[in-house]
Amino acid sequence: MKDIAQACGVSVATVSKALNGQPDIGEETRVRVCEMA
């Protein structure tokens, strides 16, 4: 997750939230993270 976070320019917590479908992550960020994963 650390590598994904670094590549996307977000925190590890944001990557975790995006992958777990938390509602407080923007759609653009979620898509970017999921594409990198």
Protein backbone atom coordinates (compact mmCIF):
# COMPACT_ATOMS: atom_id res chain seq x y z
CA MET A 1 0.00 0.00 0.00
CA LYS A 2 2.91 2.32 0.65
CA ASP A 3 4.04 2.07 -2.99
CA ILE A 4 0.52 2.75 -4.28
CA ALA A 5 0.20 5.75 -1.96
CA GLN A 6 3.51 7.18 -3.12
CA ALA A 7 2.66 6.67 -6.80
CA CYS A 8 -0.73 8.36 -6.38
CA GLY A 9 0.50 11.15 -4.14
CA VAL A 10 -1.82 10.24 -1.27
CA SER A 11 -1.41 8.77 2.20
CA VAL A 12 -1.46 5.08 3.04
CA ALA A 13 -4.66 5.73 5.00
CA THR A 14 -6.28 7.17 1.87
CA VAL A 15 -5.29 4.08 -0.13
CA SER A 16 -6.78 1.85 2.56
CA LYS A 17 -10.02 3.83 2.63
CA ALA A 18 -10.28 3.83 -1.17
CA LEU A 19 -9.76 0.07 -1.41
CA ASN A 20 -12.25 -0.58 1.38
CA GLY A 21 -14.93 1.62 -0.20
CA GLN A 22 -15.10 4.28 2.51
CA PRO A 23 -17.48 7.08 1.49
CA ASP A 24 -15.18 9.96 2.52
CA ILE A 25 -12.78 9.45 -0.41
CA GLY A 26 -13.36 11.38 -3.63
CA GLU A 27 -14.36 9.37 -6.68
CA GLU A 28 -11.36 10.57 -8.70
CA THR A 29 -8.97 9.50 -5.94
CA ARG A 30 -10.71 6.14 -5.57
CA VAL A 31 -10.44 5.44 -9.30
CA ARG A 32 -6.77 6.47 -9.41
CA VAL A 33 -5.90 4.25 -6.43
CA CYS A 34 -7.85 1.27 -7.76
CA GLU A 35 -6.16 1.56 -11.15
CA MET A 36 -2.74 1.49 -9.48
CA ALA A 37 -3.59 -1.48 -7.23
